[in-house]
C-alpha atoms as a PDB file:
ATOM      1  CA  MET A   1      39.479  51.323 -17.024  1.00  0.00           C
ATOM      2  CA  THR A   2      37.637  54.057 -16.182  1.00  0.00           C
ATOM      3  CA  LYS A   3      39.098  57.748 -16.109  1.00  0.00           C
ATOM      4  CA  THR A   4      38.876  57.962 -12.394  1.00  0.00           C
ATOM      5  CA  GLU A   5      40.610  54.726 -11.999  1.00  0.00           C
ATOM      6  CA  LYS A   6      43.358  55.844 -14.813  1.00  0.00           C
ATOM      7  CA  LYS A   7      43.821  59.162 -12.639  1.00  0.00           C
ATOM      8  CA  ASN A   8      44.106  56.995  -9.500  1.00  0.00           C
ATOM      9  CA  ILE A   9      46.717  54.926 -10.829  1.00  0.00           C
ATOM     10  CA  THR A  10      48.621  57.937 -12.733  1.00  0.00           C
ATOM     11  CA  SER A  11      48.486  59.951  -9.267  1.00  0.00           C
ATOM     12  CA  ARG A  12      50.032  56.905  -7.224  1.00  0.00           C
ATOM     13  CA  ALA A  13      52.490  56.225  -9.788  1.00  0.00           C
ATOM     14  CA  LYS A  14      53.778  59.863  -9.889  1.00  0.00           C
ATOM     15  CA  ARG A  15      54.105  59.800  -5.787  1.00  0.00           C
ATOM     16  CA  ALA A  16      56.282  56.658  -6.064  1.00  0.00           C
ATOM     17  CA  GLY A  17      58.423  58.074  -8.650  1.00  0.00           C
ATOM     18  CA  LEU A  18      57.463  55.826 -11.531  1.00  0.00           C
ATOM     19  CA  SER A  19      55.406  55.705 -14.704  1.00  0.00           C
ATOM     20  CA  ALA A  20      52.035  54.580 -14.720  1.00  0.00           C
ATOM     21  CA  GLY A  21      53.202  51.484 -16.695  1.00  0.00           C
ATOM     22  CA  GLU A  22      56.204  50.642 -14.301  1.00  0.00           C
ATOM     23  CA  TYR A  23      53.643  51.035 -11.507  1.00  0.00           C
ATOM     24  CA  MET A  24      51.326  48.727 -12.913  1.00  0.00           C
ATOM     25  CA  ARG A  25      54.111  46.269 -13.767  1.00  0.00           C
ATOM     26  CA  ARG A  26      55.322  46.390 -10.171  1.00  0.00           C
ATOM     27  CA  ALA A  27      51.683  45.850  -8.978  1.00  0.00           C
ATOM     28  CA  ALA A  28      51.237  43.021 -11.133  1.00  0.00           C
ATOM     29  CA  ALA A  29      54.359  41.396 -10.172  1.00  0.00           C
ATOM     30  CA  GLY A  30      53.394  41.525  -6.359  1.00  0.00           C
ATOM     31  CA  PHE A  31      49.926  40.051  -7.146  1.00  0.00           C
ATOM     32  CA  GLU A  32      49.695  36.160  -6.071  1.00  0.00           C
ATOM     33  CA  PRO A  33      46.052  35.448  -6.064  1.00  0.00           C
ATOM     34  CA  ASP A  34      46.869  31.946  -4.580  1.00  0.00           C
ATOM     35  CA  ALA A  35      48.544  33.093  -1.926  1.00  0.00           C
ATOM     36  CA  ASP A  36      45.983  35.928  -1.218  1.00  0.00           C
ATOM     37  CA  ASN A  37      43.277  33.255  -1.069  1.00  0.00           C
ATOM     38  CA  GLU A  38      45.227  31.140   1.329  1.00  0.00           C
ATOM     39  CA  ALA A  39      45.785  34.389   3.495  1.00  0.00           C
ATOM     40  CA  LEU A  40      42.049  35.407   3.262  1.00  0.00           C
ATOM     41  CA  GLU A  41      40.912  31.717   4.005  1.00  0.00           C
ATOM     42  CA  ALA A  42      43.350  31.496   7.021  1.00  0.00           C
ATOM     43  CA  MET A  43      41.747  34.840   8.320  1.00  0.00           C
ATOM     44  CA  ILE A  44      38.255  33.672   7.587  1.00  0.00           C
ATOM     45  CA  GLU A  45      38.856  30.272   9.751  1.00  0.00           C
ATOM     46  CA  GLU A  46      40.375  32.506  12.472  1.00  0.00           C
ATOM     47  CA  MET A  47      37.573  34.826  12.553  1.00  0.00           C
ATOM     48  CA  ASN A  48      34.851  31.966  12.583  1.00  0.00           C
ATOM     49  CA  ALA A  49      36.964  30.206  15.095  1.00  0.00           C
ATOM     50  CA  ALA A  50      36.586  33.692  17.386  1.00  0.00           C
ATOM     51  CA  THR A  51      33.166  34.167  16.514  1.00  0.00           C
ATOM     52  CA  ASP A  52      32.322  30.523  17.873  1.00  0.00           C
ATOM     53  CA  ARG A  53      34.056  31.234  20.988  1.00  0.00           C
ATOM     54  CA  ALA A  54      32.365  34.659  21.407  1.00  0.00           C
ATOM     55  CA  GLU A  55      29.091  32.876  21.039  1.00  0.00           C
ATOM     56  CA  GLN A  56      29.725  30.194  23.539  1.00  0.00           C
ATOM     57  CA  THR A  57      31.118  32.943  26.067  1.00  0.00           C
ATOM     58  CA  LEU A  58      27.975  34.916  25.626  1.00  0.00           C
ATOM     59  CA  ASP A  59      25.782  32.064  25.998  1.00  0.00           C
ATOM     60  CA  ALA A  60      27.314  31.111  29.352  1.00  0.00           C
ATOM     61  CA  ALA A  61      27.043  34.700  30.498  1.00  0.00           C
ATOM     62  CA  LEU A  62      23.441  34.809  29.524  1.00  0.00           C
ATOM     63  CA  GLU A  63      22.770  31.331  31.488  1.00  0.00           C
ATOM     64  CA  SER A  64      24.498  32.983  34.563  1.00  0.00           C
ATOM     65  CA  ILE A  65      22.428  36.136  34.434  1.00  0.00           C
ATOM     66  CA  ASP A  66      19.523  34.118  34.078  1.00  0.00           C
ATOM     67  CA  ALA A  67      20.220  31.879  37.160  1.00  0.00           C
ATOM     68  CA  SER A  68      21.208  34.824  38.945  1.00  0.00           C
ATOM     69  CA  ASN A  69      17.722  36.696  38.092  1.00  0.00           C
ATOM     70  CA  LYS A  70      15.974  33.634  39.184  1.00  0.00           C
ATOM     71  CA  ARG A  71      17.784  33.667  42.673  1.00  0.00           C
ATOM     72  CA  ILE A  72      17.048  37.652  43.101  1.00  0.00           C
ATOM     73  CA  ALA A  73      13.114  36.943  42.126  1.00  0.00           C
ATOM     74  CA  ALA A  74      13.353  33.997  44.778  1.00  0.00           C
ATOM     75  CA  MET A  75      14.942  36.256  47.431  1.00  0.00           C
ATOM     76  CA  GLU A  76      12.843  39.329  46.746  1.00  0.00           C
ATOM     77  CA  ALA A  77       9.373  37.036  46.802  1.00  0.00           C
ATOM     78  CA  LYS A  78      10.733  35.470  50.043  1.00  0.00           C
ATOM     79  CA  ALA A  79      11.330  38.867  51.385  1.00  0.00           C
ATOM     80  CA  ALA A  80       8.019  40.060  50.549  1.00  0.00           C
ATOM     81  CA  LYS A  81       6.551  37.166  52.150  1.00  0.00           C
ATOM     82  CA  ARG A  82       8.215  37.935  55.264  1.00  0.00           C
ATOM     83  CA  HIS A  83       7.293  41.696  55.458  1.00  0.00           C
ATOM     84  CA  GLY A  84       3.640  41.007  54.540  1.00  0.00           C
ATOM     85  CA  VAL A  85       3.856  42.466  50.985  1.00  0.00           C
ATOM     86  CA  GLY A  86       2.514  40.999  47.891  1.00  0.00           C
END
């Protein structure tokens, strides 16, 4: 443990009204790596699903924009022909 880590733990323990040892015991008692990993995995799965949905939405929007740009270009070309421009 570095001096900075020890200082941070001691400070947190003091704010909680605990000794550093009791603070560390309580922190260790609340640490459940399997539960933490399961929660993280669930969050990652949800993030991946949300990213997939966002990508699909963006792809659809880009396709719509491209189609709109083509329609606009065609209308502008038609208008230019009518007015003898270009």
